[in-house]
Amino acid sequence: MLPAPFSPRRLVRGVRPGLNMLLLSSVLVGSGLAPLRAQTVDDDQDFASQQLNLPKDLTVFGKSDPNVRKATAIVNGRIITGTDVDQRLALIITANGGKVSDDEKERLRVQVLRNLIDETLQIQEAAANDIKIAPEEVNQSYERVAGNFRQSPGQFDAYLRERGSAPASIKRQIEGELAWSRLLRRNIQPFVNVSEEEVKSVVDRLNAAKGSDEFRIGEIYLSSTPENRPQIIANARNIIEQIQKGGSFPAYARQFSEASTAAVGGDLGWIRPAQLPAELAQAATEMQVGQIAGPIETVGGVSILYVMDKRKVLTADPRDSLLSLKQLSVLFPQGTTKEQASAKAAAFATAIKEIKGCGQANEIGAKIGADVVDNDNVKVRDLPPQLQDILLNLQVGESTPPFGSITDGVRVLVVCGRDDPASANAPDAEQIQAQLEEERVNKRARIYLRDLRRDAVIEYN
């Protein structure tokens, strides 16, 4: 059967859906664009020096070597151990198939510690507001995560331990997400208002933009100050490098992004460039599907963008067509060489040419010893990019060229039916209002967390 398509889900009005996007949802990315800069680092440093009234020629008395500092901290009395850092780091390494250099591990370790500090501050602030997440609720979310990997909680426990992590590490992250989400719904969301005029204005702009491009974008946002911006930019470049080597964008977004969309792997959903800050909009319009861009400097931080998909505003997209397919597949015996596989694939292709519509697929499949599986309601958009254009150009009864690998065998897809998409309609007023509210909650949440960091008492060991 066709593999289940991977489709990141959008954040639903402040409710974070657990860790459904965690790890192993590998994303293949193309080459990145050149970094876009809104201003130079020297400008930031000059501004900071004037703002803080710093001497131009200063001398540092004493030594500060961050490499000597151990990766542990005490945050308002709550201890973060080296084991906590190691177990969370193991999740990221697993997402990259274990292919992370020693130098990169050390850089990631520093970032993971920062994330654990933020997570601790969020849990503490929620507790201070009488918000506590029951263990039963955490366990329910954990069971859903295990289910996404088609494992029982016990099997998933063993899976994590084998990779150097632990169930407690994921459960802690679940607790932090649930607590912070609930806190935002109580302390911020009720005070965010979107007027009918604003919603109507968005609808009018959508109708005016009909036929223009909109993008499904993923973002990793890292906050920065003028003082630490060079370091944050370097961290962002390291993240981009790892993703370009095959790392999972959603996994990195979950661990490092400081936006609320981190809970869904950085998925911003479908947006038009006009809805983005100018720096991000320029990058998005220059990118192709599968590309990654950054670090892009914005007010208050830097962003990494990844274009997941692209379509036309309020225009029916052929890739939203639903197909009924028959899949014929032949496996190769273990130990099959490349030459043997090529010969068998050629014989398979010759036999497939005899198929005259889906009515003969089962008969031909039986003759050549192929497995035949029906797949209904398959959206073209959810198939691998290599197959999308091929299938869109096929008529009912025609089949794709053979495809596959030595490991998975060779297969073809026969088109048995197609339901073309209806004309696209603008989102309703409630959907638009929810999106505007989410954007404003996200902005206030960043300020909230910034203030918690400023007031925190943090000791490093």
Protein backbone atom coordinates (compact mmCIF):
# COMPACT_ATOMS: atom_id res chain seq x y z
CA MET A 1 0.00 0.00 0.00
CA LEU A 2 1.02 3.61 -0.40
CA PRO A 3 2.73 5.04 2.68
CA ALA A 4 0.58 7.31 4.80
CA PRO A 5 1.17 10.92 3.72
CA PHE A 6 2.84 13.30 6.12
CA SER A 7 0.90 16.49 6.63
CA PRO A 8 1.76 18.87 9.49
CA ARG A 9 -1.34 20.13 11.29
CA ARG A 10 -1.93 23.78 11.99
CA LEU A 11 -2.06 25.10 15.55
CA VAL A 12 -5.70 25.39 16.64
CA ARG A 13 -6.39 28.64 18.52
CA GLY A 14 -3.88 28.26 21.30
CA VAL A 15 -4.33 24.50 21.76
CA ARG A 16 -1.08 22.63 21.22
CA PRO A 17 -1.62 19.06 19.98
CA GLY A 18 1.10 17.29 21.99
CA LEU A 19 4.18 16.02 20.20
CA ASN A 20 2.63 14.77 16.98
CA MET A 21 5.37 16.38 14.93
CA LEU A 22 8.28 15.11 17.02
CA LEU A 23 11.29 13.53 15.34
CA LEU A 24 11.64 11.21 12.39
CA SER A 25 9.22 13.15 10.16
CA SER A 26 12.15 13.65 7.82
CA VAL A 27 11.91 16.54 5.40
CA LEU A 28 14.10 16.60 2.28
CA VAL A 29 15.20 20.14 1.57
CA GLY A 30 16.92 21.73 -1.38
CA SER A 31 19.84 24.10 -1.32
CA GLY A 32 19.32 27.24 0.78
CA LEU A 33 19.19 30.78 -0.46
CA ALA A 34 21.85 33.31 0.42
CA PRO A 35 21.21 34.95 3.82
CA LEU A 36 19.11 38.10 3.68
CA ARG A 37 20.07 40.92 6.02
CA ALA A 38 17.94 43.81 7.21
CA GLN A 39 20.88 45.62 8.82
CA THR A 40 24.54 44.99 9.52
CA VAL A 41 25.96 43.61 12.75
CA ASP A 42 28.14 46.72 13.03
CA ASP A 43 25.00 48.89 13.03
CA ASP A 44 23.57 46.79 15.85
CA GLN A 45 26.78 47.08 17.85
CA ASP A 46 26.97 50.87 17.37
CA PHE A 47 23.36 51.23 18.47
CA ALA A 48 23.94 49.04 21.53
CA SER A 49 27.08 50.95 22.51
CA GLN A 50 25.23 54.28 22.35
CA GLN A 51 22.18 52.91 24.15
CA LEU A 52 24.27 51.50 27.03
CA ASN A 53 26.80 54.35 27.01
CA LEU A 54 29.69 51.91 26.60
CA PRO A 55 33.30 53.08 26.15
CA LYS A 56 34.68 52.68 22.63
CA ASP A 57 37.93 51.10 23.79
CA LEU A 58 37.04 48.80 26.66
CA THR A 59 39.13 46.27 28.55
CA VAL A 60 37.68 43.05 29.96
CA PHE A 61 39.00 42.33 33.46
CA GLY A 62 39.00 38.59 34.15
CA LYS A 63 38.25 35.67 31.88
CA SER A 64 34.96 34.29 30.64
CA ASP A 65 35.21 30.93 28.91
CA PRO A 66 31.79 29.44 28.07
CA ASN A 67 33.47 26.11 27.28
CA VAL A 68 34.38 25.69 30.95
CA ARG A 69 30.77 26.06 32.11
CA LYS A 70 28.95 22.79 32.62
CA ALA A 71 25.61 22.26 30.90
CA THR A 72 23.55 22.49 34.09
CA ALA A 73 21.56 25.30 35.68
CA ILE A 74 19.27 26.11 38.59
CA VAL A 75 16.25 28.13 37.46
CA ASN A 76 14.43 29.80 40.35
CA GLY A 77 15.44 26.81 42.47
CA ARG A 78 14.59 24.12 39.91
CA ILE A 79 17.65 22.06 38.86
CA ILE A 80 18.34 21.22 35.24
CA THR A 81 20.88 18.42 35.18
CA GLY A 82 23.34 17.36 32.54
CA THR A 83 21.24 14.24 32.09
CA ASP A 84 18.22 16.40 31.24
CA VAL A 85 20.25 18.09 28.52
CA ASP A 86 21.67 14.80 27.20
CA GLN A 87 18.26 13.16 26.94
CA ARG A 88 16.71 16.10 25.10
CA LEU A 89 19.76 16.31 22.84
CA ALA A 90 19.33 12.62 22.01
CA LEU A 91 15.90 13.38 20.53
CA ILE A 92 17.46 15.83 18.08
CA ILE A 93 20.24 13.45 17.17
CA THR A 94 17.66 10.71 16.53
CA ALA A 95 15.77 13.07 14.23
CA ASN A 96 18.95 13.38 12.17
CA GLY A 97 19.56 9.66 11.96
CA GLY A 98 22.44 9.94 14.43
CA LYS A 99 24.49 11.92 11.90
CA VAL A 100 25.58 14.88 14.00
CA SER A 101 29.22 15.88 14.37
CA ASP A 102 30.83 16.33 17.78
CA ASP A 103 31.23 20.07 17.22
CA GLU A 104 27.57 20.36 16.28
CA LYS A 105 26.56 18.38 19.36
CA GLU A 106 28.28 20.92 21.58
CA ARG A 107 26.51 23.80 19.84
CA LEU A 108 23.19 22.00 20.11
CA ARG A 109 23.82 21.29 23.78
CA VAL A 110 24.03 25.01 24.53
CA GLN A 111 20.77 25.67 22.67
CA VAL A 112 19.02 22.74 24.35
CA LEU A 113 19.95 24.15 27.75
CA ARG A 114 18.41 27.49 26.78
CA ASN A 115 15.24 25.71 25.71
CA LEU A 116 15.04 23.77 28.96
CA ILE A 117 15.43 27.01 30.90
CA ASP A 118 12.54 28.58 28.94
CA GLU A 119 10.46 25.43 29.43
CA THR A 120 11.11 25.56 33.18
CA LEU A 121 10.13 29.23 33.34
CA GLN A 122 6.89 28.47 31.51
CA ILE A 123 5.97 25.63 33.86
CA GLN A 124 6.84 27.74 36.90
CA GLU A 125 4.79 30.70 35.69
CA ALA A 126 1.83 28.44 35.01
CA ALA A 127 2.10 26.95 38.51
CA ALA A 128 2.24 30.46 39.98
CA ASN A 129 -1.10 31.07 38.27
CA ASP A 130 -2.56 27.86 39.80
CA ILE A 131 -2.24 25.96 36.50
CA LYS A 132 -1.00 22.43 36.97
CA ILE A 133 -1.04 19.66 34.41
CA ALA A 134 -2.24 16.35 35.83
CA PRO A 135 0.02 13.32 35.20
CA GLU A 136 -2.95 11.55 33.59
CA GLU A 137 -3.22 14.30 30.98
CA VAL A 138 0.49 14.08 30.20
CA ASN A 139 0.26 10.29 29.91
CA GLN A 140 -2.65 10.56 27.48
CA SER A 141 -0.62 12.84 25.22
CA TYR A 142 2.36 10.50 25.52
CA GLU A 143 0.21 7.57 24.42
CA ARG A 144 -0.84 9.53 21.33
CA VAL A 145 2.81 10.20 20.52
CA ALA A 146 3.60 6.49 20.85
CA GLY A 147 0.62 5.73 18.64
CA ASN A 148 2.03 7.98 15.92
CA PHE A 149 5.02 5.64 15.86
CA ARG A 150 2.67 2.65 15.85
CA GLN A 151 3.98 1.53 19.21
CA SER A 152 2.51 0.94 22.62
CA PRO A 153 3.73 3.24 25.42
CA GLY A 154 5.93 0.41 26.72
CA GLN A 155 7.49 -0.15 23.31
CA PHE A 156 8.02 3.57 22.87
CA ASP A 157 9.73 3.72 26.29
CA ALA A 158 12.25 1.13 25.11
CA TYR A 159 12.65 2.91 21.75
CA LEU A 160 13.64 6.15 23.49
CA ARG A 161 16.03 4.50 25.95
CA GLU A 162 17.82 2.70 23.12
CA ARG A 163 18.58 6.09 21.61
CA GLY A 164 19.86 7.70 24.79
CA SER A 165 16.71 9.57 25.69
CA ALA A 166 13.92 8.77 28.16
CA PRO A 167 10.13 8.94 28.46
CA ALA A 168 10.51 11.56 31.19
CA SER A 169 12.17 13.95 28.73
CA ILE A 170 9.24 13.90 26.30
CA LYS A 171 6.72 14.01 29.14
CA ARG A 172 8.44 17.08 30.51
CA GLN A 173 8.17 18.75 27.12
CA ILE A 174 4.49 17.80 26.91
CA GLU A 175 3.91 19.28 30.35
CA GLY A 176 5.64 22.51 29.34
CA GLU A 177 3.60 22.86 26.15
CA LEU A 178 0.29 22.16 27.86
CA ALA A 179 1.04 24.48 30.79
CA TRP A 180 2.18 27.37 28.60
CA SER A 181 -0.75 26.95 26.22
CA ARG A 182 -3.22 26.98 29.11
CA LEU A 183 -1.54 30.02 30.64
CA LEU A 184 -1.77 31.94 27.36
CA ARG A 185 -5.44 31.05 27.01
CA ARG A 186 -6.10 32.45 30.48
CA ASN A 187 -3.83 35.50 30.66
CA ILE A 188 -3.49 36.65 27.05
CA GLN A 189 -6.11 35.28 24.69
CA PRO A 190 -9.15 36.79 26.48
CA PHE A 191 -7.61 40.24 26.02
CA VAL A 192 -6.93 39.85 22.29
CA ASN A 193 -9.70 41.36 20.19
CA VAL A 194 -10.27 41.26 16.46
CA SER A 195 -12.97 43.52 15.05
CA GLU A 196 -15.43 42.70 12.28
CA GLU A 197 -13.87 45.47 10.22
CA GLU A 198 -10.47 43.77 10.41
CA VAL A 199 -11.93 40.44 9.32
CA LYS A 200 -13.80 42.10 6.44
CA SER A 201 -10.60 43.83 5.38
CA VAL A 202 -8.80 40.46 5.18
CA VAL A 203 -11.65 38.97 3.12
CA ASP A 204 -11.51 41.92 0.72
CA ARG A 205 -7.74 41.55 0.33
CA LEU A 206 -8.12 37.82 -0.33
CA ASN A 207 -10.66 38.42 -3.07
CA ALA A 208 -8.44 41.11 -4.57
CA ALA A 209 -5.48 38.70 -4.48
CA LYS A 210 -7.32 35.84 -6.23
CA GLY A 211 -4.92 33.94 -8.47
CA SER A 212 -1.78 35.18 -6.73
CA ASP A 213 0.63 32.85 -4.94
CA GLU A 214 0.28 31.68 -1.36
CA PHE A 215 2.66 29.43 0.48
CA ARG A 216 2.63 26.70 3.13
CA ILE A 217 5.58 27.89 5.21
CA GLY A 218 7.51 26.52 8.15
CA GLU A 219 9.42 28.95 10.39
CA ILE A 220 12.07 28.61 13.07
CA TYR A 221 12.22 31.87 15.04
CA LEU A 222 15.14 32.67 17.35
CA SER A 223 14.92 35.83 19.44
CA SER A 224 18.02 38.00 19.78
CA THR A 225 19.33 41.23 21.19
CA PRO A 226 21.88 43.54 19.58
CA GLU A 227 24.49 42.06 21.93
CA ASN A 228 23.96 38.38 21.11
CA ARG A 229 22.71 38.68 17.52
CA PRO A 230 25.98 37.47 15.91
CA GLN A 231 25.85 34.34 18.07
CA ILE A 232 22.16 33.74 17.29
CA ILE A 233 22.85 34.15 13.56
CA ALA A 234 25.66 31.60 13.85
CA ASN A 235 23.30 29.20 15.64
CA ALA A 236 20.70 29.66 12.89
CA ARG A 237 23.29 28.88 10.22
CA ASN A 238 24.25 25.71 12.06
CA ILE A 239 20.59 24.64 12.16
CA ILE A 240 20.23 25.31 8.42
CA GLU A 241 23.34 23.26 7.71
CA GLN A 242 21.98 20.28 9.66
CA ILE A 243 18.59 20.47 7.93
CA GLN A 244 20.25 20.64 4.51
CA LYS A 245 22.15 17.48 5.41
CA GLY A 246 18.83 15.69 5.87
CA GLY A 247 17.72 16.79 9.34
CA SER A 248 14.04 17.16 10.14
CA PHE A 249 12.81 20.76 9.90
CA PRO A 250 9.79 20.05 12.17
CA ALA A 251 12.05 18.42 14.77
CA TYR A 252 14.42 21.40 14.83
CA ALA A 253 11.46 23.79 14.93
CA ARG A 254 10.00 21.93 17.91
CA GLN A 255 13.23 22.08 19.85
CA PHE A 256 14.56 25.53 18.95
CA SER A 257 11.83 27.83 17.62
CA GLU A 258 10.57 30.37 20.12
CA ALA A 259 7.29 30.95 18.28
CA SER A 260 4.09 29.27 19.46
CA THR A 261 4.03 27.31 16.20
CA ALA A 262 6.97 25.27 17.51
CA ALA A 263 4.36 22.82 18.82
CA VAL A 264 3.41 21.94 15.23
CA GLY A 265 6.90 21.82 13.80
CA GLY A 266 6.96 25.52 12.87
CA ASP A 267 4.02 25.20 10.45
CA LEU A 268 2.52 28.64 9.74
CA GLY A 269 -0.16 27.17 7.49
CA TRP A 270 -1.20 28.75 4.17
CA ILE A 271 -0.28 32.42 4.03
CA ARG A 272 0.34 35.08 1.40
CA PRO A 273 3.56 37.10 1.34
CA ALA A 274 1.61 40.22 2.29
CA GLN A 275 0.76 38.60 5.63
CA LEU A 276 4.45 38.27 6.52
CA PRO A 277 6.95 40.89 7.68
CA ALA A 278 8.66 42.51 4.70
CA GLU A 279 11.93 40.61 5.18
CA LEU A 280 10.19 37.23 5.27
CA ALA A 281 7.83 38.11 2.42
CA GLN A 282 10.75 38.91 0.11
CA ALA A 283 12.42 35.57 0.90
CA ALA A 284 9.20 33.57 0.44
CA THR A 285 8.50 34.99 -3.02
CA GLU A 286 12.02 34.05 -4.18
CA MET A 287 11.87 30.46 -2.90
CA GLN A 288 10.74 27.25 -4.54
CA VAL A 289 8.97 24.37 -2.80
CA GLY A 290 11.49 22.43 -0.72
CA GLN A 291 13.91 25.33 -0.29
CA ILE A 292 15.14 26.74 2.99
CA ALA A 293 16.26 30.34 3.52
CA GLY A 294 17.97 32.24 6.28
CA PRO A 295 19.06 33.44 8.65
CA ILE A 296 16.67 36.31 7.90
CA GLU A 297 17.05 39.20 10.33
CA THR A 298 13.83 40.70 11.66
CA VAL A 299 12.93 43.00 14.50
CA GLY A 300 13.75 41.16 17.72
CA GLY A 301 15.36 38.09 16.21
CA VAL A 302 16.13 35.96 13.17
CA SER A 303 14.02 33.48 11.21
CA ILE A 304 14.62 30.39 9.12
CA LEU A 305 11.96 29.75 6.46
CA TYR A 306 11.08 26.50 4.73
CA VAL A 307 8.55 26.38 1.85
CA MET A 308 6.48 23.21 2.22
CA ASP A 309 4.03 23.88 -0.60
CA LYS A 310 2.68 26.53 -2.95
CA ARG A 311 -0.69 27.26 -4.59
CA LYS A 312 -2.87 30.05 -6.02
CA VAL A 313 -5.18 32.10 -3.81
CA LEU A 314 -8.86 31.14 -4.19
CA THR A 315 -8.02 29.05 -7.25
CA ALA A 316 -8.71 25.34 -7.61
CA ASP A 317 -5.42 23.44 -7.61
CA PRO A 318 -5.21 20.25 -9.71
CA ARG A 319 -3.02 18.75 -7.00
CA ASP A 320 -6.08 18.72 -4.72
CA SER A 321 -7.69 16.15 -7.03
CA LEU A 322 -8.66 12.86 -5.40
CA LEU A 323 -7.55 9.72 -7.21
CA SER A 324 -8.66 6.12 -7.11
CA LEU A 325 -5.60 3.98 -7.79
CA LYS A 326 -4.57 0.38 -8.15
CA GLN A 327 -1.03 -0.34 -7.08
CA LEU A 328 0.84 -3.31 -8.54
CA SER A 329 4.09 -4.21 -6.81
CA VAL A 330 6.73 -6.90 -7.05
CA LEU A 331 9.34 -7.40 -4.33
CA PHE A 332 12.93 -8.39 -5.05
CA PRO A 333 14.39 -11.41 -3.21
CA GLN A 334 16.97 -10.61 -0.57
CA GLY A 335 20.44 -10.34 -2.07
CA THR A 336 19.21 -9.13 -5.46
CA THR A 337 21.93 -7.19 -7.30
CA LYS A 338 21.39 -3.92 -9.10
CA GLU A 339 21.69 -5.66 -12.48
CA GLN A 340 19.17 -8.35 -11.49
CA ALA A 341 16.77 -5.70 -10.19
CA SER A 342 17.05 -3.73 -13.46
CA ALA A 343 16.28 -6.84 -15.53
CA LYS A 344 13.29 -7.74 -13.38
CA ALA A 345 12.01 -4.15 -13.50
CA ALA A 346 12.27 -4.18 -17.31
CA ALA A 347 10.22 -7.40 -17.50
CA PHE A 348 7.69 -5.88 -15.10
CA ALA A 349 7.42 -2.76 -17.29
CA THR A 350 6.81 -4.87 -20.39
CA ALA A 351 4.00 -6.78 -18.69
CA ILE A 352 2.39 -3.57 -17.41
CA LYS A 353 2.01 -2.26 -20.96
CA GLU A 354 -0.67 -4.93 -21.48
CA ILE A 355 -2.95 -3.30 -18.90
CA LYS A 356 -5.96 -1.72 -20.60
CA GLY A 357 -7.66 -0.01 -17.69
CA CYS A 358 -8.16 -0.99 -14.08
CA GLY A 359 -10.42 -3.87 -15.11
CA GLN A 360 -7.38 -5.83 -16.28
CA ALA A 361 -5.04 -4.86 -13.45
CA ASN A 362 -5.91 -7.83 -11.23
CA GLU A 363 -5.58 -10.29 -14.10
CA ILE A 364 -2.19 -8.96 -15.24
CA GLY A 365 -1.03 -8.79 -11.64
CA ALA A 366 -1.84 -12.47 -11.12
CA LYS A 367 0.10 -13.43 -14.26
CA ILE A 368 3.31 -11.72 -13.18
CA GLY A 369 2.99 -12.52 -9.47
CA ALA A 370 2.41 -8.94 -8.40
CA ASP A 371 0.48 -7.80 -5.34
CA VAL A 372 -2.49 -5.61 -6.27
CA VAL A 373 -3.85 -3.12 -3.74
CA ASP A 374 -6.69 -0.61 -4.13
CA ASN A 375 -6.05 2.94 -2.87
CA ASP A 376 -9.03 5.29 -2.90
CA ASN A 377 -9.33 9.01 -2.12
CA VAL A 378 -5.62 9.67 -2.54
CA LYS A 379 -4.90 13.40 -2.86
CA VAL A 380 -2.30 14.14 -5.53
CA ARG A 381 -0.71 16.77 -3.27
CA ASP A 382 0.10 14.10 -0.66
CA LEU A 383 2.12 11.95 -3.07
CA PRO A 384 5.88 12.30 -3.64
CA PRO A 385 6.68 15.27 -5.93
CA GLN A 386 8.20 12.92 -8.53
CA LEU A 387 4.79 11.27 -9.03
CA GLN A 388 2.51 14.32 -8.88
CA ASP A 389 3.14 15.67 -12.39
CA ILE A 390 3.08 12.16 -13.88
CA LEU A 391 -0.32 11.33 -12.38
CA LEU A 392 -1.85 14.70 -13.29
CA ASN A 393 -1.06 13.99 -16.95
CA LEU A 394 -2.54 10.47 -16.96
CA GLN A 395 -6.02 9.59 -18.17
CA VAL A 396 -8.24 7.06 -16.40
CA GLY A 397 -6.92 3.57 -17.17
CA GLU A 398 -3.32 4.67 -17.76
CA SER A 399 -0.43 3.72 -15.50
CA THR A 400 2.75 5.37 -14.28
CA PRO A 401 6.18 4.19 -15.36
CA PRO A 402 7.65 1.60 -12.95
CA PHE A 403 9.35 3.08 -9.86
CA GLY A 404 10.85 1.78 -6.64
CA SER A 405 14.14 0.55 -5.21
CA ILE A 406 16.04 -2.68 -4.61
CA THR A 407 14.81 -2.67 -1.00
CA ASP A 408 11.15 -1.89 -1.69
CA GLY A 409 10.78 -3.58 -5.06
CA VAL A 410 9.21 -2.17 -8.20
CA ARG A 411 5.64 -0.90 -8.55
CA VAL A 412 3.25 1.06 -10.76
CA LEU A 413 0.07 3.02 -10.12
CA VAL A 414 -2.95 2.67 -12.40
CA VAL A 415 -5.47 5.55 -12.42
CA CYS A 416 -8.98 4.18 -11.92
CA GLY A 417 -10.78 7.46 -11.29
CA ARG A 418 -10.30 11.14 -10.60
CA ASP A 419 -12.41 13.71 -8.74
CA ASP A 420 -11.27 17.20 -9.66
CA PRO A 421 -11.32 19.84 -6.91
CA ALA A 422 -14.17 22.30 -6.71
CA SER A 423 -13.51 26.01 -7.04
CA ALA A 424 -11.71 27.28 -3.99
CA ASN A 425 -13.56 29.59 -1.64
CA ALA A 426 -12.25 32.18 0.77
CA PRO A 427 -11.95 31.08 4.41
CA ASP A 428 -14.94 32.04 6.48
CA ALA A 429 -14.94 34.91 8.95
CA GLU A 430 -14.42 32.62 11.95
CA GLN A 431 -11.29 31.08 10.43
CA ILE A 432 -9.84 34.49 9.62
CA GLN A 433 -10.61 35.78 13.09
CA ALA A 434 -8.92 32.75 14.66
CA GLN A 435 -5.78 33.30 12.58
CA LEU A 436 -5.56 36.99 13.47
CA GLU A 437 -6.07 36.19 17.15
CA GLU A 438 -3.38 33.53 17.00
CA GLU A 439 -0.86 35.96 15.49
CA ARG A 440 -1.51 38.49 18.24
CA VAL A 441 -1.36 35.89 21.01
CA ASN A 442 1.96 34.72 19.58
CA LYS A 443 3.44 38.24 19.68
CA ARG A 444 2.33 38.80 23.27
CA ALA A 445 3.59 35.37 24.28
CA ARG A 446 7.10 36.30 23.11
CA ILE A 447 7.01 39.43 25.25
CA TYR A 448 5.67 37.42 28.21
CA LEU A 449 8.55 34.92 27.98
CA ARG A 450 11.09 37.73 27.56
CA ASP A 451 9.88 39.28 30.81
CA LEU A 452 10.09 35.92 32.61
CA ARG A 453 13.72 35.58 31.52
CA ARG A 454 14.52 39.06 32.81
CA ASP A 455 13.03 38.36 36.24
CA ALA A 456 14.45 34.84 36.63
CA VAL A 457 17.20 33.88 39.06
CA ILE A 458 19.42 31.46 37.15
CA GLU A 459 22.59 29.86 38.54
CA TYR A 460 24.98 27.98 36.29
CA ASN A 461 27.18 25.22 37.64
